Amino acid sequence: MAQTESTNELYLVVLPLISLETGKSEEMMTLMGEKSLATRFFPDEVADYEVMFRKMTKRLTGGHVKGYEVSTEEETESGRVVIKVRQNVA
């Protein structure tokens, strides 16, 4: 059976994680399939987060995941920006 290529539309999310044991915190990036959960970035932050994500895509590629395409969508009401990621799969 031939595999067909398709895409998953995902959105970049930056989450603060706080250790209950140590009290230390750090930020983590992840992808979510729901736009309402996406982080709304200030316009001056977008380029840096896109670069960070693009550097990590080689670690997220393999198996059925063939690659990623990153684009931005401006939120008109607030002026903040959502980063949209298309995950290419086959």
PDB file of N, CA and C in Angstrom:
ATOM      1  N   MET A   1       0.837  -1.168   0.000  1.00  0.00           N
ATOM      2  CA  MET A   1       0.000   0.000   0.000  1.00  0.00           C
ATOM      3  C   MET A   1       0.891   1.243   0.000  1.00  0.00           C
ATOM      4  N   ALA A   2       0.656   2.167  -0.907  1.00  0.00           N
ATOM      5  CA  ALA A   2       1.446   3.394  -0.997  1.00  0.00           C
ATOM      6  C   ALA A   2       1.050   4.359   0.114  1.00  0.00           C
ATOM      7  N   GLN A   3       2.069   4.985   0.716  1.00  0.00           N
ATOM      8  CA  GLN A   3       1.800   5.976   1.749  1.00  0.00           C
ATOM      9  C   GLN A   3       1.553   7.327   1.102  1.00  0.00           C
ATOM     10  N   THR A   4       0.584   8.044   1.614  1.00  0.00           N
ATOM     11  CA  THR A   4       0.329   9.388   1.116  1.00  0.00           C
ATOM     12  C   THR A   4       0.825  10.390   2.137  1.00  0.00           C
ATOM     13  N   GLU A   5       1.318  11.507   1.632  1.00  0.00           N
ATOM     14  CA  GLU A   5       1.794  12.557   2.532  1.00  0.00           C
ATOM     15  C   GLU A   5       0.624  13.418   2.967  1.00  0.00           C
ATOM     16  N   SER A   6       0.683  13.883   4.184  1.00  0.00           N
ATOM     17  CA  SER A   6      -0.324  14.796   4.712  1.00  0.00           C
ATOM     18  C   SER A   6       0.328  15.698   5.751  1.00  0.00           C
ATOM     19  N   THR A   7      -0.431  16.622   6.276  1.00  0.00           N
ATOM     20  CA  THR A   7       0.118  17.530   7.275  1.00  0.00           C
ATOM     21  C   THR A   7      -0.798  17.593   8.491  1.00  0.00           C
ATOM     22  N   ASN A   8      -0.191  17.892   9.611  1.00  0.00           N
ATOM     23  CA  ASN A   8      -0.912  18.193  10.848  1.00  0.00           C
ATOM     24  C   ASN A   8      -0.675  19.662  11.150  1.00  0.00           C
ATOM     25  N   GLU A   9      -1.733  20.412  11.371  1.00  0.00           N
ATOM     26  CA  GLU A   9      -1.576  21.822  11.743  1.00  0.00           C
ATOM     27  C   GLU A   9      -1.459  21.905  13.254  1.00  0.00           C
ATOM     28  N   LEU A  10      -0.327  22.430  13.705  1.00  0.00           N
ATOM     29  CA  LEU A  10      -0.023  22.532  15.126  1.00  0.00           C
ATOM     30  C   LEU A  10       0.334  23.977  15.459  1.00  0.00           C
ATOM     31  N   TYR A  11       0.361  24.297  16.753  1.00  0.00           N
ATOM     32  CA  TYR A  11       0.667  25.652  17.201  1.00  0.00           C
ATOM     33  C   TYR A  11       1.691  25.592  18.321  1.00  0.00           C
ATOM     34  N   LEU A  12       2.631  26.535  18.284  1.00  0.00           N
ATOM     35  CA  LEU A  12       3.703  26.568  19.272  1.00  0.00           C
ATOM     36  C   LEU A  12       3.184  27.087  20.615  1.00  0.00           C
ATOM     37  N   VAL A  13       3.562  26.377  21.654  1.00  0.00           N
ATOM     38  CA  VAL A  13       3.171  26.726  23.012  1.00  0.00           C
ATOM     39  C   VAL A  13       4.424  26.766  23.876  1.00  0.00           C
ATOM     40  N   VAL A  14       4.583  27.816  24.657  1.00  0.00           N
ATOM     41  CA  VAL A  14       5.676  27.913  25.621  1.00  0.00           C
ATOM     42  C   VAL A  14       5.047  27.850  27.008  1.00  0.00           C
ATOM     43  N   LEU A  15       5.474  26.855  27.783  1.00  0.00           N
ATOM     44  CA  LEU A  15       4.899  26.611  29.103  1.00  0.00           C
ATOM     45  C   LEU A  15       5.946  26.760  30.190  1.00  0.00           C
ATOM     46  N   PRO A  16       5.605  27.456  31.264  1.00  0.00           N
ATOM     47  CA  PRO A  16       6.499  27.453  32.420  1.00  0.00           C
ATOM     48  C   PRO A  16       6.246  26.179  33.228  1.00  0.00           C
ATOM     49  N   LEU A  17       7.305  25.476  33.561  1.00  0.00           N
ATOM     50  CA  LEU A  17       7.194  24.277  34.383  1.00  0.00           C
ATOM     51  C   LEU A  17       7.879  24.541  35.713  1.00  0.00           C
ATOM     52  N   ILE A  18       7.189  24.209  36.780  1.00  0.00           N
ATOM     53  CA  ILE A  18       7.715  24.450  38.129  1.00  0.00           C
ATOM     54  C   ILE A  18       7.826  23.112  38.842  1.00  0.00           C
ATOM     55  N   SER A  19       9.014  22.807  39.326  1.00  0.00           N
ATOM     56  CA  SER A  19       9.231  21.572  40.058  1.00  0.00           C
ATOM     57  C   SER A  19       8.624  21.707  41.455  1.00  0.00           C
ATOM     58  N   LEU A  20       7.766  20.776  41.806  1.00  0.00           N
ATOM     59  CA  LEU A  20       7.185  20.785  43.150  1.00  0.00           C
ATOM     60  C   LEU A  20       8.214  20.375  44.198  1.00  0.00           C
ATOM     61  N   GLU A  21       9.223  19.664  43.750  1.00  0.00           N
ATOM     62  CA  GLU A  21      10.251  19.187  44.669  1.00  0.00           C
ATOM     63  C   GLU A  21      11.275  20.277  44.997  1.00  0.00           C
ATOM     64  N   THR A  22      11.762  20.962  43.958  1.00  0.00           N
ATOM     65  CA  THR A  22      12.837  21.937  44.159  1.00  0.00           C
ATOM     66  C   THR A  22      12.357  23.387  44.138  1.00  0.00           C
ATOM     67  N   GLY A  23      11.194  23.632  43.544  1.00  0.00           N
ATOM     68  CA  GLY A  23      10.709  25.004  43.400  1.00  0.00           C
ATOM     69  C   GLY A  23      11.328  25.736  42.224  1.00  0.00           C
ATOM     70  N   LYS A  24      12.258  25.088  41.531  1.00  0.00           N
ATOM     71  CA  LYS A  24      12.883  25.709  40.368  1.00  0.00           C
ATOM     72  C   LYS A  24      11.922  25.668  39.190  1.00  0.00           C
ATOM     73  N   SER A  25      12.079  26.643  38.304  1.00  0.00           N
ATOM     74  CA  SER A  25      11.199  26.683  37.139  1.00  0.00           C
ATOM     75  C   SER A  25      12.023  26.781  35.858  1.00  0.00           C
ATOM     76  N   GLU A  26      11.408  26.388  34.764  1.00  0.00           N
ATOM     77  CA  GLU A  26      12.011  26.522  33.449  1.00  0.00           C
ATOM     78  C   GLU A  26      10.896  26.588  32.424  1.00  0.00           C
ATOM     79  N   GLU A  27      11.210  27.091  31.244  1.00  0.00           N
ATOM     80  CA  GLU A  27      10.236  27.150  30.169  1.00  0.00           C
ATOM     81  C   GLU A  27      10.471  25.999  29.208  1.00  0.00           C
ATOM     82  N   MET A  28       9.385  25.435  28.696  1.00  0.00           N
ATOM     83  CA  MET A  28       9.445  24.354  27.719  1.00  0.00           C
ATOM     84  C   MET A  28       8.583  24.741  26.524  1.00  0.00           C
ATOM     85  N   MET A  29       9.021  24.312  25.340  1.00  0.00           N
ATOM     86  CA  MET A  29       8.221  24.494  24.138  1.00  0.00           C
ATOM     87  C   MET A  29       7.569  23.170  23.796  1.00  0.00           C
ATOM     88  N   THR A  30       6.339  23.246  23.301  1.00  0.00           N
ATOM     89  CA  THR A  30       5.645  22.073  22.798  1.00  0.00           C
ATOM     90  C   THR A  30       4.721  22.514  21.678  1.00  0.00           C
ATOM     91  N   LEU A  31       4.102  21.556  21.028  1.00  0.00           N
ATOM     92  CA  LEU A  31       3.155  21.834  19.958  1.00  0.00           C
ATOM     93  C   LEU A  31       1.798  21.289  20.362  1.00  0.00           C
ATOM     94  N   MET A  32       0.747  22.061  20.065  1.00  0.00           N
ATOM     95  CA  MET A  32      -0.620  21.640  20.352  1.00  0.00           C
ATOM     96  C   MET A  32      -1.442  21.729  19.078  1.00  0.00           C
ATOM     97  N   GLY A  33      -2.439  20.904  18.969  1.00  0.00           N
ATOM     98  CA  GLY A  33      -3.290  20.887  17.800  1.00  0.00           C
ATOM     99  C   GLY A  33      -4.432  21.878  17.843  1.00  0.00           C
ATOM    100  N   GLU A  34      -4.569  22.600  18.925  1.00  0.00           N
ATOM    101  CA  GLU A  34      -5.671  23.541  19.104  1.00  0.00           C
ATOM    102  C   GLU A  34      -5.152  24.975  19.182  1.00  0.00           C
ATOM    103  N   LYS A  35      -5.602  25.829  18.271  1.00  0.00           N
ATOM    104  CA  LYS A  35      -5.126  27.212  18.223  1.00  0.00           C
ATOM    105  C   LYS A  35      -5.421  27.982  19.514  1.00  0.00           C
ATOM    106  N   SER A  36      -6.519  27.666  20.167  1.00  0.00           N
ATOM    107  CA  SER A  36      -6.876  28.391  21.394  1.00  0.00           C
ATOM    108  C   SER A  36      -5.859  28.156  22.512  1.00  0.00           C
ATOM    109  N   LEU A  37      -5.038  27.104  22.412  1.00  0.00           N
ATOM    110  CA  LEU A  37      -4.013  26.815  23.424  1.00  0.00           C
ATOM    111  C   LEU A  37      -2.651  27.419  23.071  1.00  0.00           C
ATOM    112  N   ALA A  38      -2.538  28.007  21.886  1.00  0.00           N
ATOM    113  CA  ALA A  38      -1.258  28.555  21.431  1.00  0.00           C
ATOM    114  C   ALA A  38      -0.843  29.751  22.270  1.00  0.00           C
ATOM    115  N   THR A  39       0.468  29.900  22.448  1.00  0.00           N
ATOM    116  CA  THR A  39       1.001  31.084  23.110  1.00  0.00           C
ATOM    117  C   THR A  39       0.839  32.272  22.178  1.00  0.00           C
ATOM    118  N   ARG A  40       0.399  33.400  22.720  1.00  0.00           N
ATOM    119  CA  ARG A  40       0.310  34.650  21.962  1.00  0.00           C
ATOM    120  C   ARG A  40       1.588  35.431  22.247  1.00  0.00           C
ATOM    121  N   PHE A  41       2.465  35.477  21.267  1.00  0.00           N
ATOM    122  CA  PHE A  41       3.763  36.116  21.417  1.00  0.00           C
ATOM    123  C   PHE A  41       3.671  37.597  21.082  1.00  0.00           C
ATOM    124  N   PHE A  42       4.499  38.392  21.740  1.00  0.00           N
ATOM    125  CA  PHE A  42       4.659  39.782  21.324  1.00  0.00           C
ATOM    126  C   PHE A  42       5.460  39.762  20.024  1.00  0.00           C
ATOM    127  N   PRO A  43       5.175  40.685  19.105  1.00  0.00           N
ATOM    128  CA  PRO A  43       5.848  40.670  17.802  1.00  0.00           C
ATOM    129  C   PRO A  43       7.373  40.616  17.874  1.00  0.00           C
ATOM    130  N   ASP A  44       7.975  41.261  18.878  1.00  0.00           N
ATOM    131  CA  ASP A  44       9.440  41.274  18.961  1.00  0.00           C
ATOM    132  C   ASP A  44      10.025  39.955  19.482  1.00  0.00           C
ATOM    133  N   GLU A  45       9.187  39.007  19.897  1.00  0.00           N
ATOM    134  CA  GLU A  45       9.657  37.703  20.374  1.00  0.00           C
ATOM    135  C   GLU A  45       9.632  36.627  19.293  1.00  0.00           C
ATOM    136  N   VAL A  46       8.820  36.837  18.260  1.00  0.00           N
ATOM    137  CA  VAL A  46       8.513  35.781  17.294  1.00  0.00           C
ATOM    138  C   VAL A  46       9.755  35.213  16.619  1.00  0.00           C
ATOM    139  N   ALA A  47      10.623  36.047  16.098  1.00  0.00           N
ATOM    140  CA  ALA A  47      11.801  35.568  15.358  1.00  0.00           C
ATOM    141  C   ALA A  47      12.673  34.658  16.231  1.00  0.00           C
ATOM    142  N   ASP A  48      12.891  35.026  17.487  1.00  0.00           N
ATOM    143  CA  ASP A  48      13.733  34.211  18.369  1.00  0.00           C
ATOM    144  C   ASP A  48      13.119  32.830  18.633  1.00  0.00           C
ATOM    145  N   TYR A  49      11.814  32.786  18.873  1.00  0.00           N
ATOM    146  CA  TYR A  49      11.164  31.492  19.117  1.00  0.00           C
ATOM    147  C   TYR A  49      11.137  30.635  17.856  1.00  0.00           C
ATOM    148  N   GLU A  50      10.945  31.266  16.701  1.00  0.00           N
ATOM    149  CA  GLU A  50      10.990  30.500  15.445  1.00  0.00           C
ATOM    150  C   GLU A  50      12.366  29.881  15.230  1.00  0.00           C
ATOM    151  N   VAL A  51      13.419  30.654  15.499  1.00  0.00           N
ATOM    152  CA  VAL A  51      14.788  30.141  15.342  1.00  0.00           C
ATOM    153  C   VAL A  51      15.025  28.977  16.304  1.00  0.00           C
ATOM    154  N   MET A  52      14.616  29.126  17.561  1.00  0.00           N
ATOM    155  CA  MET A  52      14.799  28.052  18.544  1.00  0.00           C
ATOM    156  C   MET A  52      14.081  26.784  18.093  1.00  0.00           C
ATOM    157  N   PHE A  53      12.842  26.936  17.605  1.00  0.00           N
ATOM    158  CA  PHE A  53      12.086  25.763  17.177  1.00  0.00           C
ATOM    159  C   PHE A  53      12.734  25.110  15.959  1.00  0.00           C
ATOM    160  N   ARG A  54      13.136  25.914  14.991  1.00  0.00           N
ATOM    161  CA  ARG A  54      13.756  25.356  13.776  1.00  0.00           C
ATOM    162  C   ARG A  54      15.024  24.569  14.102  1.00  0.00           C
ATOM    163  N   LYS A  55      15.785  25.014  15.091  1.00  0.00           N
ATOM    164  CA  LYS A  55      17.001  24.294  15.488  1.00  0.00           C
ATOM    165  C   LYS A  55      16.677  22.905  16.040  1.00  0.00           C
ATOM    166  N   MET A  56      15.504  22.761  16.627  1.00  0.00           N
ATOM    167  CA  MET A  56      15.138  21.495  17.266  1.00  0.00           C
ATOM    168  C   MET A  56      14.421  20.535  16.334  1.00  0.00           C
ATOM    169  N   THR A  57      14.013  20.974  15.141  1.00  0.00           N
ATOM    170  CA  THR A  57      13.195  20.100  14.294  1.00  0.00           C
ATOM    171  C   THR A  57      13.911  18.828  13.865  1.00  0.00           C
ATOM    172  N   LYS A  58      15.241  18.883  13.725  1.00  0.00           N
ATOM    173  CA  LYS A  58      15.945  17.653  13.325  1.00  0.00           C
ATOM    174  C   LYS A  58      15.800  16.561  14.378  1.00  0.00           C
ATOM    175  N   ARG A  59      15.598  16.945  15.633  1.00  0.00           N
ATOM    176  CA  ARG A  59      15.396  15.968  16.697  1.00  0.00           C
ATOM    177  C   ARG A  59      13.959  15.464  16.742  1.00  0.00           C
ATOM    178  N   LEU A  60      13.067  16.157  16.051  1.00  0.00           N
ATOM    179  CA  LEU A  60      11.647  15.796  16.041  1.00  0.00           C
ATOM    180  C   LEU A  60      11.234  15.092  14.755  1.00  0.00           C
ATOM    181  N   THR A  61      12.209  14.831  13.880  1.00  0.00           N
ATOM    182  CA  THR A  61      11.927  14.226  12.582  1.00  0.00           C
ATOM    183  C   THR A  61      12.382  12.772  12.593  1.00  0.00           C
ATOM    184  N   GLY A  62      11.556  11.907  12.054  1.00  0.00           N
ATOM    185  CA  GLY A  62      11.870  10.489  11.985  1.00  0.00           C
ATOM    186  C   GLY A  62      10.588   9.689  11.956  1.00  0.00           C
ATOM    187  N   GLY A  63      10.678   8.440  11.559  1.00  0.00           N
ATOM    188  CA  GLY A  63       9.477   7.625  11.452  1.00  0.00           C
ATOM    189  C   GLY A  63       8.533   8.228  10.425  1.00  0.00           C
ATOM    190  N   HIS A  64       7.311   8.476  10.819  1.00  0.00           N
ATOM    191  CA  HIS A  64       6.317   9.040   9.912  1.00  0.00           C
ATOM    192  C   HIS A  64       6.467  10.558   9.761  1.00  0.00           C
ATOM    193  N   VAL A  65       7.189  11.203  10.674  1.00  0.00           N
ATOM    194  CA  VAL A  65       7.353  12.660  10.614  1.00  0.00           C
ATOM    195  C   VAL A  65       8.501  12.988   9.668  1.00  0.00           C
ATOM    196  N   LYS A  66       8.176  13.691   8.587  1.00  0.00           N
ATOM    197  CA  LYS A  66       9.152  14.002   7.539  1.00  0.00           C
ATOM    198  C   LYS A  66       9.749  15.396   7.665  1.00  0.00           C
ATOM    199  N   GLY A  67       9.095  16.299   8.353  1.00  0.00           N
ATOM    200  CA  GLY A  67       9.622  17.651   8.500  1.00  0.00           C
ATOM    201  C   GLY A  67       8.563  18.623   8.991  1.00  0.00           C
ATOM    202  N   TYR A  68       8.965  19.885   9.104  1.00  0.00           N
ATOM    203  CA  TYR A  68       8.098  20.933   9.639  1.00  0.00           C
ATOM    204  C   TYR A  68       8.212  22.195   8.793  1.00  0.00           C
ATOM    205  N   GLU A  69       7.127  22.947   8.740  1.00  0.00           N
ATOM    206  CA  GLU A  69       7.105  24.268   8.123  1.00  0.00           C
ATOM    207  C   GLU A  69       6.533  25.223   9.157  1.00  0.00           C
ATOM    208  N   VAL A  70       7.224  26.345   9.369  1.00  0.00           N
ATOM    209  CA  VAL A  70       6.802  27.311  10.382  1.00  0.00           C
ATOM    210  C   VAL A  70       6.269  28.560   9.697  1.00  0.00           C
ATOM    211  N   SER A  71       5.135  29.052  10.189  1.00  0.00           N
ATOM    212  CA  SER A  71       4.591  30.313   9.686  1.00  0.00           C
ATOM    213  C   SER A  71       3.984  31.070  10.865  1.00  0.00           C
ATOM    214  N   THR A  72       3.692  32.330  10.664  1.00  0.00           N
ATOM    215  CA  THR A  72       3.101  33.125  11.737  1.00  0.00           C
ATOM    216  C   THR A  72       1.736  33.644  11.306  1.00  0.00           C
ATOM    217  N   GLU A  73       0.879  33.860  12.273  1.00  0.00           N
ATOM    218  CA  GLU A  73      -0.437  34.436  12.059  1.00  0.00           C
ATOM    219  C   GLU A  73      -0.605  35.551  13.081  1.00  0.00           C
ATOM    220  N   GLU A  74      -0.899  36.730  12.650  1.00  0.00           N
ATOM    221  CA  GLU A  74      -1.076  37.831  13.600  1.00  0.00           C
ATOM    222  C   GLU A  74      -2.475  37.788  14.182  1.00  0.00           C
ATOM    223  N   GLU A  75      -2.553  37.994  15.456  1.00  0.00           N
ATOM    224  CA  GLU A  75      -3.836  38.099  16.138  1.00  0.00           C
ATOM    225  C   GLU A  75      -4.286  39.551  16.033  1.00  0.00           C
ATOM    226  N   THR A  76      -5.306  39.816  15.303  1.00  0.00           N
ATOM    227  CA  THR A  76      -5.700  41.191  15.012  1.00  0.00           C
ATOM    228  C   THR A  76      -6.229  41.942  16.225  1.00  0.00           C
ATOM    229  N   GLU A  77      -6.919  41.265  17.117  1.00  0.00           N
ATOM    230  CA  GLU A  77      -7.500  41.954  18.275  1.00  0.00           C
ATOM    231  C   GLU A  77      -6.442  42.504  19.224  1.00  0.00           C
ATOM    232  N   SER A  78      -5.420  41.733  19.486  1.00  0.00           N
ATOM    233  CA  SER A  78      -4.428  42.128  20.484  1.00  0.00           C
ATOM    234  C   SER A  78      -3.104  42.571  19.879  1.00  0.00           C
ATOM    235  N   GLY A  79      -2.892  42.264  18.596  1.00  0.00           N
ATOM    236  CA  GLY A  79      -1.611  42.579  17.976  1.00  0.00           C
ATOM    237  C   GLY A  79      -0.532  41.559  18.282  1.00  0.00           C
ATOM    238  N   ARG A  80      -0.854  40.552  19.088  1.00  0.00           N
ATOM    239  CA  ARG A  80       0.115  39.503  19.379  1.00  0.00           C
ATOM    240  C   ARG A  80       0.073  38.442  18.292  1.00  0.00           C
ATOM    241  N   VAL A  81       1.064  37.561  18.294  1.00  0.00           N
ATOM    242  CA  VAL A  81       1.261  36.654  17.166  1.00  0.00           C
ATOM    243  C   VAL A  81       1.232  35.202  17.623  1.00  0.00           C
ATOM    244  N   VAL A  82       0.572  34.364  16.815  1.00  0.00           N
ATOM    245  CA  VAL A  82       0.549  32.914  17.023  1.00  0.00           C
ATOM    246  C   VAL A  82       1.497  32.299  15.999  1.00  0.00           C
ATOM    247  N   ILE A  83       2.306  31.343  16.436  1.00  0.00           N
ATOM    248  CA  ILE A  83       3.217  30.650  15.530  1.00  0.00           C
ATOM    249  C   ILE A  83       2.584  29.309  15.154  1.00  0.00           C
ATOM    250  N   LYS A  84       2.314  29.152  13.874  1.00  0.00           N
ATOM    251  CA  LYS A  84       1.686  27.942  13.336  1.00  0.00           C
ATOM    252  C   LYS A  84       2.770  27.045  12.747  1.00  0.00           C
ATOM    253  N   VAL A  85       2.663  25.755  13.000  1.00  0.00           N
ATOM    254  CA  VAL A  85       3.640  24.786  12.520  1.00  0.00           C
ATOM    255  C   VAL A  85       2.896  23.689  11.762  1.00  0.00           C
ATOM    256  N   ARG A  86       3.318  23.437  10.555  1.00  0.00           N
ATOM    257  CA  ARG A  86       2.774  22.314   9.790  1.00  0.00           C
ATOM    258  C   ARG A  86       3.754  21.150   9.894  1.00  0.00           C
ATOM    259  N   GLN A  87       3.266  20.053  10.432  1.00  0.00           N
ATOM    260  CA  GLN A  87       4.057  18.837  10.565  1.00  0.00           C
ATOM    261  C   GLN A  87       3.759  17.965   9.350  1.00  0.00           C
ATOM    262  N   ASN A  88       4.767  17.692   8.551  1.00  0.00           N
ATOM    263  CA  ASN A  88       4.604  16.862   7.360  1.00  0.00           C
ATOM    264  C   ASN A  88       4.820  15.406   7.734  1.00  0.00           C
ATOM    265  N   VAL A  89       3.817  14.579   7.430  1.00  0.00           N
ATOM    266  CA  VAL A  89       3.879  13.159   7.786  1.00  0.00           C
ATOM    267  C   VAL A  89       3.566  12.295   6.563  1.00  0.00           C
ATOM    268  N   ALA A  90       4.044  11.084   6.594  1.00  0.00           N
ATOM    269  CA  ALA A  90       3.762  10.115   5.520  1.00  0.00           C
ATOM    270  C   ALA A  90       3.750   8.717   6.093  1.00  0.00           C
TER     271      ALA A  90
END
